[in-house]
Protein backbone atom coordinates (compact mmCIF):
# COMPACT_ATOMS: atom_id res chain seq x y z
CA MET A 1 272.19 12.38 222.45
CA PRO A 2 272.50 12.54 226.26
CA GLN A 3 275.45 14.48 227.57
CA ASN A 4 278.24 12.64 229.33
CA PRO A 5 278.19 13.69 233.01
CA ASP A 6 281.97 13.28 233.16
CA ARG A 7 282.41 15.96 230.51
CA MET A 8 279.95 18.31 232.23
CA THR A 9 281.74 18.39 235.60
CA GLY A 10 285.22 17.37 234.50
CA LYS A 11 285.32 14.82 237.33
CA ALA A 12 285.86 11.12 237.44
CA ARG A 13 282.90 8.80 236.97
CA GLY A 14 281.00 8.18 240.21
CA SER A 15 281.84 11.54 241.79
CA LEU A 16 278.65 13.62 241.98
CA SER A 17 279.81 16.35 244.35
CA PRO A 18 279.62 19.94 243.12
CA ALA A 19 282.73 21.74 241.96
CA ALA A 20 284.72 23.34 244.77
CA GLY A 21 284.02 27.02 245.33
CA THR A 22 280.51 26.90 243.88
CA PHE A 23 277.42 27.97 245.76
CA GLU A 24 276.26 24.36 245.96
CA ALA A 25 279.60 23.15 247.36
CA GLU A 26 279.56 25.85 250.03
CA MET A 27 275.96 24.96 250.99
CA LEU A 28 276.94 21.30 251.20
CA ALA A 29 279.76 22.18 253.60
CA LEU A 30 277.30 24.08 255.83
CA ILE A 31 274.86 21.16 256.23
CA PRO A 32 276.38 19.67 259.44
CA MET A 33 276.26 23.05 261.18
CA LEU A 34 272.77 23.79 259.88
CA ARG A 35 271.65 20.32 261.06
CA ARG A 36 272.85 21.01 264.61
CA TYR A 37 271.16 24.38 264.63
CA SER A 38 267.87 23.03 263.22
CA ARG A 39 267.76 20.28 265.85
CA SER A 40 268.47 22.74 268.63
CA LEU A 41 265.65 25.00 267.45
CA SER A 42 263.07 22.29 266.89
CA ARG A 43 264.08 19.96 269.77
CA SER A 44 263.36 16.99 267.52
CA ASP A 45 265.28 14.93 264.99
CA ALA A 46 262.39 14.66 262.57
CA ASP A 47 261.36 18.31 262.78
CA GLY A 48 265.02 19.35 262.64
CA GLU A 49 265.56 17.37 259.44
CA ASP A 50 262.41 18.90 257.93
CA LEU A 51 263.62 22.38 258.86
CA LEU A 52 267.07 21.63 257.42
CA GLN A 53 265.62 20.37 254.15
CA GLU A 54 263.29 23.34 253.84
CA CYS A 55 266.19 25.72 254.52
CA VAL A 56 268.49 24.13 251.94
CA GLU A 57 265.69 24.04 249.36
CA LYS A 58 264.89 27.70 249.95
CA ALA A 59 268.57 28.68 249.78
CA LEU A 60 269.08 26.80 246.52
CA ALA A 61 265.88 28.21 245.01
CA ASN A 62 266.86 31.76 246.00
CA LYS A 63 270.60 31.62 245.36
CA ARG A 64 270.33 34.63 243.05
CA GLN A 65 269.42 36.74 246.11
CA TRP A 66 272.71 35.82 247.81
CA ARG A 67 275.21 38.68 247.48
CA GLY A 68 278.37 36.58 247.33
CA THR A 69 279.58 36.98 250.92
CA GLY A 70 278.39 35.63 254.24
CA LEU A 71 276.71 32.46 252.98
CA LYS A 72 276.77 30.96 256.48
CA THR A 73 274.98 33.94 257.99
CA TRP A 74 272.53 34.05 255.09
CA ALA A 75 271.68 30.33 255.49
CA TYR A 76 271.28 30.68 259.28
CA THR A 77 268.99 33.65 258.75
CA ILE A 78 266.85 31.64 256.34
CA MET A 79 266.61 28.80 258.87
CA THR A 80 265.80 31.12 261.75
CA ASN A 81 263.04 32.81 259.75
CA LEU A 82 261.61 29.46 258.63
CA TYR A 83 261.57 28.27 262.23
CA ARG A 84 259.91 31.48 263.44
CA ASN A 85 257.23 31.23 260.74
CA ARG A 86 256.60 27.57 261.57
CA HIS A 87 256.51 28.35 265.30
CA ARG A 88 253.97 31.15 264.77
CA ALA A 89 251.80 28.87 262.63
CA GLU A 90 251.88 26.15 265.31
CA LYS A 91 250.77 28.68 267.92
CA ARG A 92 247.81 29.66 265.74
CA HIS A 93 246.93 26.04 264.92
CA PRO A 94 248.22 23.76 267.71
CA SER A 95 248.39 20.02 267.11
CA GLU A 96 249.25 16.96 269.17
CA SER A 97 252.08 14.63 268.21
CA LEU A 98 251.11 11.00 267.72
CA ASP A 99 254.69 9.84 268.03
CA GLY A 100 255.01 10.63 271.70
CA HIS A 101 258.29 11.79 273.12
CA GLU A 102 261.12 11.99 270.58
CA SER A 103 264.76 11.88 271.55
CA ILE A 104 267.71 13.34 269.72
CA ALA A 105 269.60 10.54 268.00
CA GLY A 106 273.12 10.47 266.73
CA THR A 107 276.48 10.43 268.31
CA ASP A 108 276.69 12.40 271.52
CA ALA A 109 279.69 14.39 272.57
CA PHE A 110 279.13 13.10 276.10
CA SER A 111 279.81 9.50 276.96
CA ASP A 112 277.85 9.84 280.22
CA THR A 113 274.22 9.38 279.17
CA LEU A 114 272.90 10.66 282.50
CA GLU A 115 274.88 13.88 282.10
CA ASN A 116 273.71 14.13 278.49
CA ASP A 117 270.08 13.73 279.59
CA ARG A 118 270.57 16.46 282.22
CA LEU A 119 271.97 18.81 279.60
CA HIS A 120 269.13 18.11 277.15
CA GLY A 121 266.63 18.67 279.95
CA ALA A 122 268.25 21.98 280.86
CA LEU A 123 268.28 23.09 277.20
CA ALA A 124 264.60 22.18 276.88
CA LEU A 125 263.82 24.69 279.64
CA LEU A 126 265.12 27.55 277.54
CA SER A 127 262.81 29.57 275.36
CA PRO A 128 263.42 29.16 271.62
CA GLU A 129 264.84 32.69 271.50
CA MET A 130 267.39 32.04 274.26
CA ARG A 131 268.28 28.61 272.84
CA ALA A 132 268.90 30.08 269.36
CA VAL A 133 271.29 32.71 270.73
CA LEU A 134 273.07 30.15 272.93
CA MET A 135 273.56 27.73 270.03
CA LEU A 136 274.79 30.37 267.61
CA VAL A 137 277.31 31.90 270.01
CA THR A 138 278.55 28.92 272.03
CA VAL A 139 278.24 26.01 269.61
CA GLU A 140 278.59 27.60 266.19
CA GLY A 141 281.11 30.23 267.28
CA TYR A 142 279.27 33.29 266.02
CA THR A 143 280.25 36.67 267.40
CA TYR A 144 277.55 38.60 269.22
CA GLN A 145 277.26 40.93 266.22
CA GLU A 146 276.88 38.01 263.76
CA ALA A 147 274.22 36.43 265.97
CA ALA A 148 272.37 39.75 266.17
CA GLU A 149 272.40 40.10 262.38
CA THR A 150 271.36 36.47 261.84
CA LEU A 151 268.44 36.72 264.26
CA SER A 152 267.56 40.32 263.29
CA ILE A 153 267.70 41.53 266.90
CA PRO A 154 269.74 44.25 268.64
CA LEU A 155 273.21 43.42 269.97
CA GLY A 156 272.10 44.12 273.55
CA THR A 157 269.29 41.59 273.19
CA VAL A 158 271.80 38.94 272.12
CA MET A 159 273.93 39.63 275.17
CA SER A 160 270.91 39.63 277.49
CA ARG A 161 269.46 36.39 276.11
CA LEU A 162 272.84 34.69 276.22
CA SER A 163 273.37 35.76 279.82
CA ARG A 164 269.90 34.56 280.87
CA ALA A 165 270.34 31.27 278.97
CA ARG A 166 273.68 30.56 280.65
CA GLU A 167 272.27 31.41 284.09
CA THR A 168 269.21 29.18 283.53
CA LEU A 169 271.47 26.30 282.49
CA ARG A 170 273.80 26.87 285.44
CA GLN A 171 270.94 26.90 287.95
CA HIS A 172 269.25 23.83 286.48
CA LEU A 173 272.43 21.80 286.27
CA ALA A 174 273.52 22.85 289.78
CA ALA A 175 270.11 21.94 291.23
CA ASP A 176 270.19 18.49 289.62
CA ASN A 177 273.68 17.84 290.92
CA ILE A 178 272.45 16.93 294.42
CA ILE A 179 271.93 13.20 294.90
CA PRO A 180 270.26 12.18 298.16
CA LEU A 181 271.93 9.20 299.79
CA ARG A 182 270.38 6.69 302.14
CA ARG A 183 271.85 6.41 305.56
CA PRO A 184 273.07 2.97 306.48
CA ARG A 185 271.17 1.25 309.30
């Protein structure tokens, strides 16, 4: 006889979310942050979603390797390593996209689309290594030490990459801030 799902979880019918405090519930809570990070690494909605799915699948499949603390850092490390492996494979076997230029969809924090485009353009100039450090520290709120551990790089490298990323963004955004005007006749 099939088991009643209500008895298994102790929840009301129709509620399929995992029990609070479980590994699955904590992973579910991390998905929005992991989605932002995956999109920033891959520069594409579709590739970001693929990276997110692969990361969550790997985390769930290997949950016995998790030591009970630092799930966020552990999940970010998995995603970073998956991205690095994928990036290395693409370098060895380059391919052309048939879809053309993809844009990042979703709700933007900026209401000014021109300013948003400028920011995305500036972020696209950054190397994947600099972009990863910038996203972890400035967007996700990681400390320098947490970012260093997540990316498996020295603390000084985090600080250097973050500094260079910020300077690159500042220069690009300052250079694009000049709008030539026509003189009236």
